[in-house]
Protein backbone atom coordinates (compact mmCIF):
# COMPACT_ATOMS: atom_id res chain seq x y z
CA MET A 1 0.00 0.00 0.00
CA ARG A 2 2.80 2.40 0.90
CA PHE A 3 4.58 1.88 -2.43
CA ARG A 4 1.34 2.22 -4.44
CA THR A 5 0.65 5.50 -2.64
CA PHE A 6 4.12 6.71 -3.53
CA LEU A 7 3.69 5.73 -7.17
CA THR A 8 0.37 7.59 -7.32
CA PHE A 9 2.18 10.59 -5.89
CA LEU A 10 4.74 10.38 -8.68
CA VAL A 11 2.04 10.42 -11.31
CA LEU A 12 0.03 13.24 -9.75
CA SER A 13 3.00 15.44 -8.91
CA ALA A 14 5.13 15.06 -12.02
CA SER A 15 7.97 17.55 -11.98
CA ALA A 16 7.40 21.01 -13.30
CA TRP A 17 10.72 20.60 -15.09
CA ALA A 18 9.86 18.89 -18.37
CA GLY A 19 12.31 16.38 -19.77
CA ILE A 20 14.42 13.73 -18.11
CA VAL A 21 12.98 14.29 -14.61
CA ASP A 22 9.48 13.72 -15.95
CA ASP A 23 10.58 10.68 -17.97
CA VAL A 24 12.23 9.03 -14.97
CA GLN A 25 9.28 9.74 -12.69
CA THR A 26 6.91 8.25 -15.26
CA ALA A 27 8.97 5.04 -15.49
CA LEU A 28 9.20 4.76 -11.70
CA ALA A 29 5.46 5.32 -11.40
CA ARG A 30 5.16 2.03 -13.31
CA ASN A 31 7.73 0.45 -10.95
CA ASN A 32 10.01 0.06 -13.95
CA PHE A 33 13.53 0.76 -12.70
CA SER A 34 15.18 -0.62 -15.84
CA SER A 35 13.20 1.78 -18.03
CA ALA A 36 14.12 4.68 -15.75
CA GLU A 37 17.79 3.74 -15.97
CA ALA A 38 17.52 3.50 -19.76
CA GLU A 39 16.08 7.01 -19.87
CA LEU A 40 18.95 8.27 -17.71
CA ASN A 41 21.58 6.55 -19.85
CA SER A 42 20.06 7.90 -23.05
CA TYR A 43 19.96 11.45 -21.69
CA ARG A 44 23.52 11.25 -20.37
CA SER A 45 24.89 10.02 -23.71
CA ARG A 46 23.28 13.02 -25.43
CA GLN A 47 23.55 15.80 -22.86
CA GLY A 48 26.15 14.66 -20.35
CA VAL A 49 25.69 15.16 -16.62
CA THR A 50 23.59 18.27 -16.01
CA PRO A 51 21.80 19.49 -12.86
CA GLU A 52 18.55 18.22 -14.38
CA TYR A 53 20.10 14.79 -14.88
CA VAL A 54 21.24 14.72 -11.24
CA GLU A 55 17.73 15.58 -10.03
CA ALA A 56 16.28 12.85 -12.24
CA TYR A 57 18.82 10.36 -10.91
CA SER A 58 17.88 11.25 -7.32
CA TRP A 59 14.40 9.80 -7.92
CA MET A 60 15.95 6.35 -8.27
CA GLY A 61 17.01 6.45 -4.64
CA ARG A 62 13.67 7.79 -3.47
CA ALA A 63 11.77 5.03 -5.25
CA ALA A 64 14.12 2.32 -3.96
CA LEU A 65 13.72 3.62 -0.41
CA VAL A 66 9.93 3.48 -0.57
CA ALA A 67 10.21 -0.04 -2.02
CA ARG A 68 12.34 -0.89 1.05
CA GLN A 69 15.29 -1.82 -1.12
CA TYR A 70 17.61 -0.16 1.35
CA ASP A 71 20.97 -1.25 -0.06
CA GLN A 72 19.96 -0.12 -3.53
CA ALA A 73 18.54 3.15 -2.16
CA ALA A 74 21.82 3.84 -0.37
CA ALA A 75 23.79 3.16 -3.55
CA TYR A 76 21.61 5.52 -5.59
CA ALA A 77 21.88 8.17 -2.86
CA LYS A 78 25.66 7.88 -2.74
CA GLN A 79 25.93 8.32 -6.51
CA THR A 80 23.46 11.23 -6.52
CA LYS A 81 25.48 12.99 -3.84
CA SER A 82 28.72 12.41 -5.75
CA LEU A 83 27.21 13.82 -8.95
CA ALA A 84 25.79 16.83 -7.12
CA VAL A 85 29.06 17.63 -5.35
CA GLU A 86 30.87 17.48 -8.69
CA GLN A 87 28.37 19.97 -10.12
CA LEU A 88 28.92 22.26 -7.13
CA LYS A 89 32.52 22.75 -8.20
CA GLN A 90 31.08 24.90 -11.01
CA ARG A 91 28.21 26.73 -9.28
CA GLN A 92 26.54 27.55 -5.96
CA LEU A 93 23.91 25.15 -4.68
CA ASP A 94 21.03 27.59 -5.01
CA SER A 95 22.10 29.10 -8.33
CA GLU A 96 19.58 26.89 -10.16
CA PRO A 97 16.59 24.76 -9.08
CA HIS A 98 17.64 21.15 -9.75
CA LEU A 99 20.69 20.64 -7.54
CA PRO A 100 19.04 21.55 -4.21
CA LEU A 101 16.30 19.00 -4.91
CA ALA A 102 18.84 16.36 -5.89
CA LEU A 103 21.27 16.86 -3.03
CA GLY A 104 18.50 17.21 -0.45
CA ALA A 105 16.97 13.96 -1.68
CA ALA A 106 20.32 12.15 -1.63
CA LEU A 107 21.02 13.09 1.97
CA GLU A 108 17.46 12.28 2.99
CA VAL A 109 17.57 8.84 1.36
CA GLN A 110 21.03 8.12 2.74
CA SER A 111 19.96 8.89 6.31
CA GLN A 112 16.63 7.07 6.07
CA ALA A 113 18.23 3.98 4.58
CA LEU A 114 20.74 3.90 7.45
CA ALA A 115 17.99 4.31 10.03
CA ALA A 116 15.89 1.59 8.40
CA ARG A 117 18.84 -0.81 8.71
CA GLY A 118 19.22 -0.02 12.42
CA GLN A 119 22.10 2.44 12.02
CA ARG A 120 20.36 5.36 13.68
CA THR A 121 23.51 6.96 15.10
CA GLN A 122 25.18 6.98 11.69
CA ALA A 123 22.02 8.44 10.11
CA ILE A 124 22.05 11.30 12.62
CA GLU A 125 25.74 11.91 11.96
CA VAL A 126 25.09 12.15 8.20
CA LEU A 127 22.46 14.84 8.75
CA GLN A 128 24.44 16.78 11.34
CA SER A 129 27.44 16.86 9.01
CA ALA A 130 25.24 18.00 6.11
CA LEU A 131 23.75 20.78 8.24
CA ARG A 132 27.24 22.05 9.03
CA THR A 133 28.02 22.14 5.32
CA TYR A 134 24.68 23.26 3.85
CA GLY A 135 23.01 25.00 6.79
CA ASN A 136 22.98 28.34 4.98
CA THR A 137 21.28 27.01 1.85
CA SER A 138 17.72 26.25 0.80
CA ILE A 139 17.97 22.59 1.88
CA ARG A 140 18.48 23.45 5.55
CA ALA A 141 14.85 22.89 6.57
CA ARG A 142 14.75 19.56 4.72
CA LEU A 143 17.87 18.35 6.50
CA GLN A 144 16.53 19.54 9.85
CA LYS A 145 13.23 17.76 9.21
CA ASN A 146 15.02 14.46 8.72
CA LEU A 147 17.20 15.05 11.77
CA ASN A 148 14.13 15.90 13.84
CA LEU A 149 12.41 12.72 12.71
CA LEU A 150 15.27 10.75 14.19
CA SER A 151 16.07 12.75 17.30
CA LEU A 152 13.59 15.46 18.34
CA GLU A 153 10.94 13.45 20.19
CA GLY A 154 11.56 13.42 23.93
CA LYS A 155 13.68 16.58 23.83
CA PRO A 156 12.71 20.10 25.01
CA ALA A 157 10.92 21.97 22.24
CA PRO A 158 13.07 24.66 20.60
CA ALA A 159 11.93 28.20 21.31
CA LEU A 160 9.94 30.06 18.67
CA LYS A 161 10.61 33.55 17.38
CA SER A 162 7.46 35.68 17.38
CA GLU A 163 8.45 39.29 16.80
CA GLN A 164 6.00 39.33 13.88
CA TYR A 165 2.66 37.59 14.21
CA LEU A 166 -0.99 37.40 13.19
CA GLY A 167 -3.91 36.63 15.48
CA SER A 168 -3.40 36.90 19.23
CA ARG A 169 0.03 37.65 20.69
CA PRO A 170 2.08 34.43 21.01
CA LEU A 171 3.38 33.40 24.39
CA ALA A 172 6.85 31.90 24.67
CA LEU A 173 6.77 28.11 24.80
CA ALA A 174 8.47 28.30 28.20
CA GLN A 175 5.44 30.20 29.49
CA LEU A 176 3.14 27.41 28.32
CA LYS A 177 4.71 24.66 30.40
CA GLY A 178 1.96 22.84 32.24
CA SER A 179 -0.21 22.81 29.12
CA PRO A 180 0.01 20.47 26.15
CA VAL A 181 0.76 22.47 22.99
CA LEU A 182 0.07 21.66 19.34
CA LEU A 183 2.24 23.51 16.82
CA PHE A 184 0.57 23.65 13.40
CA PHE A 185 3.09 24.83 10.79
CA TRP A 186 1.20 26.02 7.72
CA ALA A 187 1.67 28.07 4.54
CA HIS A 188 -0.68 30.38 2.67
CA TRP A 189 -0.33 28.29 -0.51
CA CYS A 190 -0.82 24.90 1.20
CA GLY A 191 -3.99 22.99 0.33
CA ASP A 192 -3.30 20.23 2.84
CA CYS A 193 -3.04 22.86 5.58
CA LYS A 194 -6.48 24.20 4.72
CA ALA A 195 -7.86 20.66 4.84
CA GLU A 196 -6.25 20.08 8.25
CA ALA A 197 -7.67 23.28 9.76
CA PRO A 198 -11.18 21.91 10.54
CA ILE A 199 -9.60 18.88 12.23
CA ILE A 200 -7.47 21.08 14.45
CA THR A 201 -10.42 23.37 15.14
CA GLN A 202 -12.48 20.40 16.31
CA LEU A 203 -9.69 18.96 18.45
CA ARG A 204 -8.99 22.31 20.07
CA SER A 205 -12.64 22.65 21.03
CA GLU A 206 -12.53 19.16 22.58
CA PHE A 207 -9.26 19.50 24.47
CA ALA A 208 -9.02 23.20 25.33
CA PRO A 209 -10.89 22.52 28.61
CA LYS A 210 -8.04 20.12 29.46
CA GLY A 211 -5.42 22.76 28.72
CA LEU A 212 -4.53 22.22 25.04
CA VAL A 213 -3.03 25.29 23.38
CA VAL A 214 -2.71 25.55 19.58
CA MET A 215 -0.16 27.79 17.84
CA GLY A 216 0.12 28.14 14.07
CA PRO A 217 3.58 29.24 12.91
CA THR A 218 3.90 30.34 9.30
CA ARG A 219 6.50 32.13 7.21
CA LEU A 220 6.94 34.36 4.18
CA TYR A 221 7.84 32.83 0.82
CA GLY A 222 8.31 35.96 -1.28
CA TYR A 223 5.19 35.54 -3.40
CA THR A 224 1.41 35.33 -3.30
CA ALA A 225 -1.18 33.78 -5.60
CA GLN A 226 -1.36 37.05 -7.51
CA VAL A 227 2.17 38.45 -7.23
CA GLU A 228 5.30 36.55 -8.24
CA HIS A 229 7.64 38.78 -6.24
CA ALA A 230 5.71 40.14 -3.27
CA THR A 231 7.01 42.56 -0.66
CA PRO A 232 6.94 41.33 2.94
CA ALA A 233 4.13 43.75 3.76
CA ASP A 234 2.04 42.59 0.82
CA GLU A 235 2.63 38.92 1.64
CA ILE A 236 1.70 39.44 5.29
CA ALA A 237 -1.52 41.10 4.20
CA TYR A 238 -2.25 38.26 1.77
CA THR A 239 -1.49 35.63 4.42
CA ASP A 240 -3.98 37.33 6.71
CA VAL A 241 -6.62 37.20 3.98
CA VAL A 242 -5.98 33.46 3.56
CA ARG A 243 -6.09 32.99 7.34
CA ARG A 244 -9.45 34.71 7.64
CA ARG A 245 -10.92 32.84 4.68
CA PHE A 246 -9.75 29.29 5.38
CA TYR A 247 -8.94 29.23 9.10
CA GLY A 248 -12.08 30.84 10.48
CA GLY A 249 -12.25 28.49 13.45
CA LEU A 250 -8.71 29.40 14.46
CA LEU A 251 -8.69 33.17 14.09
CA ASP A 252 -7.60 33.68 17.69
CA MET A 253 -4.74 31.18 17.25
CA PRO A 254 -1.34 32.89 17.65
CA VAL A 255 0.52 32.83 14.33
CA PRO A 256 4.23 33.64 14.66
CA VAL A 257 5.66 34.60 11.27
CA SER A 258 9.30 33.58 10.91
CA ALA A 259 11.49 31.54 8.56
CA TYR A 260 13.67 30.79 11.60
CA ASN A 261 10.89 28.72 13.17
CA PHE A 262 10.47 26.69 9.98
CA ASP A 263 14.21 26.06 9.74
CA THR A 264 14.48 25.10 13.40
CA TYR A 265 11.58 22.68 13.24
CA GLY A 266 12.44 21.45 9.76
CA ALA A 267 9.03 22.39 8.44
CA SER A 268 9.91 21.90 4.78
CA THR A 269 6.70 19.87 4.57
CA THR A 270 3.43 21.66 5.27
CA PRO A 271 1.59 21.09 7.36
CA THR A 272 4.05 19.93 9.99
CA LEU A 273 2.44 18.96 13.29
CA VAL A 274 4.44 19.04 16.52
CA LEU A 275 2.86 18.07 19.83
CA LEU A 276 4.46 19.11 23.13
CA ASP A 277 3.71 17.54 26.47
CA ARG A 278 3.05 19.45 29.68
CA ALA A 279 6.77 19.53 30.45
CA GLY A 280 7.49 21.31 27.16
CA LYS A 281 9.07 18.27 25.51
CA VAL A 282 8.30 17.04 22.00
CA ALA A 283 5.87 14.13 22.23
CA MET A 284 5.15 13.87 18.48
CA TYR A 285 6.89 15.22 15.39
CA HIS A 286 4.99 14.63 12.16
CA PRO A 287 5.68 16.25 8.76
CA GLY A 288 2.41 16.13 6.85
CA ALA A 289 -1.30 16.08 7.61
CA LEU A 290 -2.94 13.66 10.03
CA PRO A 291 -6.53 12.38 10.07
CA TYR A 292 -8.76 13.30 13.00
CA GLU A 293 -8.63 9.96 14.81
CA GLN A 294 -4.86 9.63 14.64
CA LEU A 295 -4.16 13.17 15.81
CA ARG A 296 -6.80 12.87 18.53
CA ALA A 297 -5.13 9.72 19.87
CA GLU A 298 -1.79 11.53 20.11
CA ILE A 299 -3.35 14.49 21.91
CA GLU A 300 -5.14 12.19 24.34
CA LYS A 301 -1.79 10.70 25.36
CA VAL A 302 -0.23 14.03 26.34
CA VAL A 303 -3.42 15.35 27.95
CA ALA A 304 -3.60 12.25 30.15
CA ARG A 305 -0.04 12.51 31.41
């Protein structure tokens, strides 16, 4: 079921970059690794190794990981990383769009394959090393997300920055000790976040009498639905319009606005849901949406403690 879901994702979210990336994704959506490799070999013989080729190659590792072919996934990840590093001798990581996706995927697959084979310490070391090297690039949040998945639960929740906010004024997390806290990281462009909002609204109404506090960090992305390059003031105003339209049950929810919070919590996936216990420690870290029953069960655990 997990692999079929992944393959459906490949079909529905085919890369915006036409060409080899799309061809490889299409082959992998059919679970046809040999066809994907043939596409890669054909492209390389004609075009050589380009950033687009490296991104396309990175999908081999992602597909192998989801298929639980961990040795093969690790091999693809190692080669993707090697190809990306070679490309970085000629350009900066964020000078074009393909290499950040490729390198981020390679490091993600490498760490997840290690963890799946019981080498959790080595997986953490891979990500910590990558953060030291690429912590000032666009893949920082992705690396932090994978590190958090392996190591954040059970640790004190990192503080949030809240100099800029929407809704009610945010309290520091340290001030909320004694109450369970749900952090709901969302983005103005995120459809899954809008779909999650009614679930969180319902759960807050159920558990607020038992102390549950909900905070909804977001960040600026530099654009809106109407403006490709938006000023911070314009994007804040647009975000508030989205908040009022789609998050009507959560209008009093504090919404700290900061890229720092997203980097710290690794919220490269939206929504990201982080549940804190009454001691201020992370009880659940989950990139992605959760259905009502599953999220309710997690909240019940921390409320009961």
